[in-house]
All heavy atoms as atom14 arrays in JSON, in Angstrom:
{
  "sequence": "MDQECRSAPARYGVTLDASLITGIDPPP",
  "atom14_mask": [
    [1, 1, 1, 1, 1, 1, 1, 1, 0, 0, 0, 0, 0, 0],
    [1, 1, 1, 1, 1, 1, 1, 1, 0, 0, 0, 0, 0, 0],
    [1, 1, 1, 1, 1, 1, 1, 1, 1, 0, 0, 0, 0, 0],
    [1, 1, 1, 1, 1, 1, 1, 1, 1, 0, 0, 0, 0, 0],
    [1, 1, 1, 1, 1, 1, 0, 0, 0, 0, 0, 0, 0, 0],
    [1, 1, 1, 1, 1, 1, 1, 1, 1, 1, 1, 0, 0, 0],
    [1, 1, 1, 1, 1, 1, 0, 0, 0, 0, 0, 0, 0, 0],
    [1, 1, 1, 1, 1, 0, 0, 0, 0, 0, 0, 0, 0, 0],
    [1, 1, 1, 1, 1, 1, 1, 0, 0, 0, 0, 0, 0, 0],
    [1, 1, 1, 1, 1, 0, 0, 0, 0, 0, 0, 0, 0, 0],
    [1, 1, 1, 1, 1, 1, 1, 1, 1, 1, 1, 0, 0, 0],
    [1, 1, 1, 1, 1, 1, 1, 1, 1, 1, 1, 1, 0, 0],
    [1, 1, 1, 1, 0, 0, 0, 0, 0, 0, 0, 0, 0, 0],
    [1, 1, 1, 1, 1, 1, 1, 0, 0, 0, 0, 0, 0, 0],
    [1, 1, 1, 1, 1, 1, 1, 0, 0, 0, 0, 0, 0, 0],
    [1, 1, 1, 1, 1, 1, 1, 1, 0, 0, 0, 0, 0, 0],
    [1, 1, 1, 1, 1, 1, 1, 1, 0, 0, 0, 0, 0, 0],
    [1, 1, 1, 1, 1, 0, 0, 0, 0, 0, 0, 0, 0, 0],
    [1, 1, 1, 1, 1, 1, 0, 0, 0, 0, 0, 0, 0, 0],
    [1, 1, 1, 1, 1, 1, 1, 1, 0, 0, 0, 0, 0, 0],
    [1, 1, 1, 1, 1, 1, 1, 1, 0, 0, 0, 0, 0, 0],
    [1, 1, 1, 1, 1, 1, 1, 0, 0, 0, 0, 0, 0, 0],
    [1, 1, 1, 1, 0, 0, 0, 0, 0, 0, 0, 0, 0, 0],
    [1, 1, 1, 1, 1, 1, 1, 1, 0, 0, 0, 0, 0, 0],
    [1, 1, 1, 1, 1, 1, 1, 1, 0, 0, 0, 0, 0, 0],
    [1, 1, 1, 1, 1, 1, 1, 0, 0, 0, 0, 0, 0, 0],
    [1, 1, 1, 1, 1, 1, 1, 0, 0, 0, 0, 0, 0, 0],
    [1, 1, 1, 1, 1, 1, 1, 0, 0, 0, 0, 0, 0, 0]
  ],
  "atom14_positions": [
    [[-3.76, -4.66, 0.82], [-2.64, -3.89, 0.23], [-1.32, -4.22, 0.99], [-0.27, -4.34, 0.38], [-2.94, -2.39, 0.33], [-4.1, -1.96, -0.6], [-3.89, -2.44, -2.33], [-2.37, -1.61, -2.75], [0.0, 0.0, 0.0], [0.0, 0.0, 0.0], [0.0, 0.0, 0.0], [0.0, 0.0, 0.0], [0.0, 0.0, 0.0], [0.0, 0.0, 0.0]],
    [[-1.42, -4.35, 2.3], [-0.22, -4.7, 3.05], [0.3, -6.07, 2.64], [1.52, -6.27, 2.54], [-0.56, -4.74, 4.56], [-0.82, -3.29, 5.07], [-0.4, -2.34, 4.42], [-1.43, -3.17, 6.15], [0.0, 0.0, 0.0], [0.0, 0.0, 0.0], [0.0, 0.0, 0.0], [0.0, 0.0, 0.0], [0.0, 0.0, 0.0], [0.0, 0.0, 0.0]],
    [[-0.61, -7.03, 2.41], [-0.17, -8.37, 2.01], [0.45, -8.34, 0.61], [1.47, -8.98, 0.35], [-1.39, -9.32, 2.01], [-1.93, -9.59, 3.39], [-1.01, -10.46, 4.22], [-0.28, -11.29, 3.72], [-1.01, -10.22, 5.53], [0.0, 0.0, 0.0], [0.0, 0.0, 0.0], [0.0, 0.0, 0.0], [0.0, 0.0, 0.0], [0.0, 0.0, 0.0]],
    [[-0.13, -7.58, -0.3], [0.34, -7.58, -1.7], [1.66, -6.82, -1.81], [2.45, -7.08, -2.77], [-0.7, -6.92, -2.6], [-1.93, -7.74, -2.84], [-1.6, -9.02, -3.58], [-0.85, -8.97, -4.57], [-2.1, -10.1, -3.16], [0.0, 0.0, 0.0], [0.0, 0.0, 0.0], [0.0, 0.0, 0.0], [0.0, 0.0, 0.0], [0.0, 0.0, 0.0]],
    [[1.98, -5.93, -0.88], [3.23, -5.14, -0.98], [4.33, -5.71, -0.13], [5.35, -5.04, 0.09], [2.91, -3.68, -0.52], [1.8, -2.83, -1.65], [0.0, 0.0, 0.0], [0.0, 0.0, 0.0], [0.0, 0.0, 0.0], [0.0, 0.0, 0.0], [0.0, 0.0, 0.0], [0.0, 0.0, 0.0], [0.0, 0.0, 0.0], [0.0, 0.0, 0.0]],
    [[4.19, -6.94, 0.37], [5.25, -7.54, 1.15], [6.52, -7.84, 0.34], [7.58, -7.97, 0.86], [4.76, -8.82, 1.79], [3.72, -8.66, 2.87], [3.34, -9.95, 3.53], [2.79, -10.88, 2.47], [2.46, -12.15, 2.73], [2.61, -12.63, 3.96], [1.95, -12.91, 1.8], [0.0, 0.0, 0.0], [0.0, 0.0, 0.0], [0.0, 0.0, 0.0]],
    [[6.38, -7.91, -1.01], [7.51, -8.18, -1.85], [8.3, -6.96, -2.24], [9.33, -7.05, -2.94], [7.07, -8.95, -3.1], [6.16, -8.14, -3.88], [0.0, 0.0, 0.0], [0.0, 0.0, 0.0], [0.0, 0.0, 0.0], [0.0, 0.0, 0.0], [0.0, 0.0, 0.0], [0.0, 0.0, 0.0], [0.0, 0.0, 0.0], [0.0, 0.0, 0.0]],
    [[7.81, -5.74, -1.84], [8.49, -4.51, -2.2], [9.95, -4.44, -1.71], [10.81, -3.93, -2.49], [7.68, -3.3, -1.69], [0.0, 0.0, 0.0], [0.0, 0.0, 0.0], [0.0, 0.0, 0.0], [0.0, 0.0, 0.0], [0.0, 0.0, 0.0], [0.0, 0.0, 0.0], [0.0, 0.0, 0.0], [0.0, 0.0, 0.0], [0.0, 0.0, 0.0]],
    [[10.33, -4.89, -0.54], [11.71, -4.83, -0.14], [12.63, -5.65, -1.03], [13.73, -5.23, -1.39], [11.7, -5.44, 1.29], [10.34, -5.21, 1.79], [9.46, -5.33, 0.61], [0.0, 0.0, 0.0], [0.0, 0.0, 0.0], [0.0, 0.0, 0.0], [0.0, 0.0, 0.0], [0.0, 0.0, 0.0], [0.0, 0.0, 0.0], [0.0, 0.0, 0.0]],
    [[12.18, -6.85, -1.48], [12.99, -7.62, -2.35], [13.03, -7.06, -3.8], [13.97, -7.24, -4.52], [12.51, -9.06, -2.37], [0.0, 0.0, 0.0], [0.0, 0.0, 0.0], [0.0, 0.0, 0.0], [0.0, 0.0, 0.0], [0.0, 0.0, 0.0], [0.0, 0.0, 0.0], [0.0, 0.0, 0.0], [0.0, 0.0, 0.0], [0.0, 0.0, 0.0]],
    [[11.91, -6.38, -4.19], [11.83, -5.81, -5.56], [12.69, -4.51, -5.67], [13.51, -4.36, -6.54], [10.4, -5.5, -5.89], [9.53, -6.74, -6.18], [8.09, -6.28, -6.27], [7.16, -7.34, -6.66], [6.71, -7.49, -7.88], [7.08, -6.65, -8.84], [5.87, -8.46, -8.19], [0.0, 0.0, 0.0], [0.0, 0.0, 0.0], [0.0, 0.0, 0.0]],
    [[12.4, -3.58, -4.73], [12.89, -2.24, -4.92], [13.71, -1.75, -3.72], [14.23, -0.62, -3.73], [11.71, -1.24, -5.08], [10.67, -1.76, -6.1], [9.4, -2.04, -5.69], [11.02, -1.92, -7.43], [8.44, -2.48, -6.59], [10.09, -2.33, -8.34], [8.79, -2.66, -7.93], [7.88, -3.12, -8.82], [0.0, 0.0, 0.0], [0.0, 0.0, 0.0]],
    [[13.89, -2.51, -2.66], [14.61, -2.08, -1.51], [13.9, -1.1, -0.65], [14.49, -0.35, 0.13], [0.0, 0.0, 0.0], [0.0, 0.0, 0.0], [0.0, 0.0, 0.0], [0.0, 0.0, 0.0], [0.0, 0.0, 0.0], [0.0, 0.0, 0.0], [0.0, 0.0, 0.0], [0.0, 0.0, 0.0], [0.0, 0.0, 0.0], [0.0, 0.0, 0.0]],
    [[12.56, -1.08, -0.76], [11.71, -0.19, 0.03], [10.7, -1.01, 0.76], [9.99, -1.83, 0.13], [11.04, 0.86, -0.85], [10.15, 1.79, -0.03], [12.07, 1.72, -1.59], [0.0, 0.0, 0.0], [0.0, 0.0, 0.0], [0.0, 0.0, 0.0], [0.0, 0.0, 0.0], [0.0, 0.0, 0.0], [0.0, 0.0, 0.0], [0.0, 0.0, 0.0]],
    [[10.57, -0.78, 2.06], [9.57, -1.54, 2.85], [8.39, -0.66, 3.14], [8.51, 0.47, 3.6], [10.22, -1.94, 4.23], [11.34, -2.75, 4.01], [9.21, -2.71, 5.07], [0.0, 0.0, 0.0], [0.0, 0.0, 0.0], [0.0, 0.0, 0.0], [0.0, 0.0, 0.0], [0.0, 0.0, 0.0], [0.0, 0.0, 0.0], [0.0, 0.0, 0.0]],
    [[7.18, -1.14, 2.79], [5.95, -0.44, 3.02], [5.45, -0.9, 4.42], [4.94, -2.0, 4.56], [4.93, -0.75, 1.96], [5.25, -0.21, 0.56], [4.22, -0.65, -0.43], [5.37, 1.31, 0.56], [0.0, 0.0, 0.0], [0.0, 0.0, 0.0], [0.0, 0.0, 0.0], [0.0, 0.0, 0.0], [0.0, 0.0, 0.0], [0.0, 0.0, 0.0]],
    [[5.63, -0.01, 5.43], [5.18, -0.36, 6.77], [3.72, -0.48, 6.88], [3.2, -1.35, 7.56], [5.73, 0.69, 7.76], [7.19, 0.52, 8.02], [7.72, -0.57, 7.77], [7.82, 1.47, 8.51], [0.0, 0.0, 0.0], [0.0, 0.0, 0.0], [0.0, 0.0, 0.0], [0.0, 0.0, 0.0], [0.0, 0.0, 0.0], [0.0, 0.0, 0.0]],
    [[2.96, 0.39, 6.25], [1.51, 0.36, 6.34], [0.9, 1.24, 5.24], [1.56, 2.24, 4.82], [1.03, 0.77, 7.74], [0.0, 0.0, 0.0], [0.0, 0.0, 0.0], [0.0, 0.0, 0.0], [0.0, 0.0, 0.0], [0.0, 0.0, 0.0], [0.0, 0.0, 0.0], [0.0, 0.0, 0.0], [0.0, 0.0, 0.0], [0.0, 0.0, 0.0]],
    [[-0.24, 0.86, 4.82], [-1.03, 1.71, 3.9], [-2.36, 2.01, 4.65], [-3.0, 1.1, 5.16], [-1.31, 0.99, 2.59], [-2.01, -0.23, 2.77], [0.0, 0.0, 0.0], [0.0, 0.0, 0.0], [0.0, 0.0, 0.0], [0.0, 0.0, 0.0], [0.0, 0.0, 0.0], [0.0, 0.0, 0.0], [0.0, 0.0, 0.0], [0.0, 0.0, 0.0]],
    [[-2.73, 3.28, 4.6], [-3.94, 3.67, 5.3], [-4.84, 4.42, 4.32], [-4.62, 5.63, 4.08], [-3.59, 4.57, 6.5], [-4.75, 5.04, 7.39], [-5.47, 3.82, 7.95], [-4.27, 5.98, 8.47], [0.0, 0.0, 0.0], [0.0, 0.0, 0.0], [0.0, 0.0, 0.0], [0.0, 0.0, 0.0], [0.0, 0.0, 0.0], [0.0, 0.0, 0.0]],
    [[-5.82, 3.72, 3.79], [-6.8, 4.35, 2.9], [-7.92, 4.9, 3.78], [-8.6, 4.18, 4.52], [-7.38, 3.34, 1.89], [-6.25, 2.75, 1.09], [-8.4, 4.0, 0.99], [-6.65, 1.61, 0.2], [0.0, 0.0, 0.0], [0.0, 0.0, 0.0], [0.0, 0.0, 0.0], [0.0, 0.0, 0.0], [0.0, 0.0, 0.0], [0.0, 0.0, 0.0]],
    [[-8.04, 6.25, 3.78], [-8.94, 6.86, 4.75], [-10.3, 7.3, 4.18], [-11.24, 7.51, 4.94], [-8.26, 8.11, 5.36], [-7.84, 8.97, 4.3], [-7.05, 7.7, 6.16], [0.0, 0.0, 0.0], [0.0, 0.0, 0.0], [0.0, 0.0, 0.0], [0.0, 0.0, 0.0], [0.0, 0.0, 0.0], [0.0, 0.0, 0.0], [0.0, 0.0, 0.0]],
    [[-10.35, 7.49, 2.83], [-11.64, 7.98, 2.27], [-11.85, 7.48, 0.9], [-10.9, 7.3, 0.07], [0.0, 0.0, 0.0], [0.0, 0.0, 0.0], [0.0, 0.0, 0.0], [0.0, 0.0, 0.0], [0.0, 0.0, 0.0], [0.0, 0.0, 0.0], [0.0, 0.0, 0.0], [0.0, 0.0, 0.0], [0.0, 0.0, 0.0], [0.0, 0.0, 0.0]],
    [[-13.12, 7.21, 0.61], [-13.55, 6.83, -0.78], [-14.7, 7.71, -1.14], [-15.8, 7.65, -0.54], [-13.95, 5.32, -0.82], [-12.77, 4.42, -0.45], [-14.47, 4.98, -2.19], [-13.1, 2.95, -0.45], [0.0, 0.0, 0.0], [0.0, 0.0, 0.0], [0.0, 0.0, 0.0], [0.0, 0.0, 0.0], [0.0, 0.0, 0.0], [0.0, 0.0, 0.0]],
    [[-14.5, 8.58, -2.08], [-15.49, 9.59, -2.47], [-16.11, 9.24, -3.82], [-15.37, 9.28, -4.85], [-14.89, 10.99, -2.54], [-14.25, 11.38, -1.17], [-14.87, 11.03, -0.12], [-13.18, 12.01, -1.16], [0.0, 0.0, 0.0], [0.0, 0.0, 0.0], [0.0, 0.0, 0.0], [0.0, 0.0, 0.0], [0.0, 0.0, 0.0], [0.0, 0.0, 0.0]],
    [[-17.39, 8.98, -3.9], [-18.04, 8.71, -5.2], [-18.24, 9.99, -5.96], [-18.16, 11.11, -5.39], [-19.35, 8.07, -4.79], [-19.67, 8.7, -3.45], [-18.31, 8.91, -2.78], [0.0, 0.0, 0.0], [0.0, 0.0, 0.0], [0.0, 0.0, 0.0], [0.0, 0.0, 0.0], [0.0, 0.0, 0.0], [0.0, 0.0, 0.0], [0.0, 0.0, 0.0]],
    [[-18.6, 9.89, -7.25], [-18.95, 11.09, -8.01], [-20.14, 11.8, -7.41], [-21.04, 11.17, -6.86], [-19.26, 10.53, -9.42], [-18.58, 9.24, -9.45], [-18.61, 8.7, -8.06], [0.0, 0.0, 0.0], [0.0, 0.0, 0.0], [0.0, 0.0, 0.0], [0.0, 0.0, 0.0], [0.0, 0.0, 0.0], [0.0, 0.0, 0.0], [0.0, 0.0, 0.0]],
    [[-20.23, 13.11, -7.53], [-21.37, 13.86, -6.93], [-22.7, 13.41, -7.43], [-23.73, 13.44, -6.68], [-21.08, 15.33, -7.28], [-19.61, 15.38, -7.53], [-19.29, 14.01, -8.14], [0.0, 0.0, 0.0], [0.0, 0.0, 0.0], [0.0, 0.0, 0.0], [0.0, 0.0, 0.0], [0.0, 0.0, 0.0], [0.0, 0.0, 0.0], [0.0, 0.0, 0.0]]
  ]
}
């Protein structure tokens, strides 16, 4: 996700410093 969002500053003027996905919950 960090690699894919490197173009965000040139696209939208917003820099994504980091994305932290902490949990993946399956259906019960």
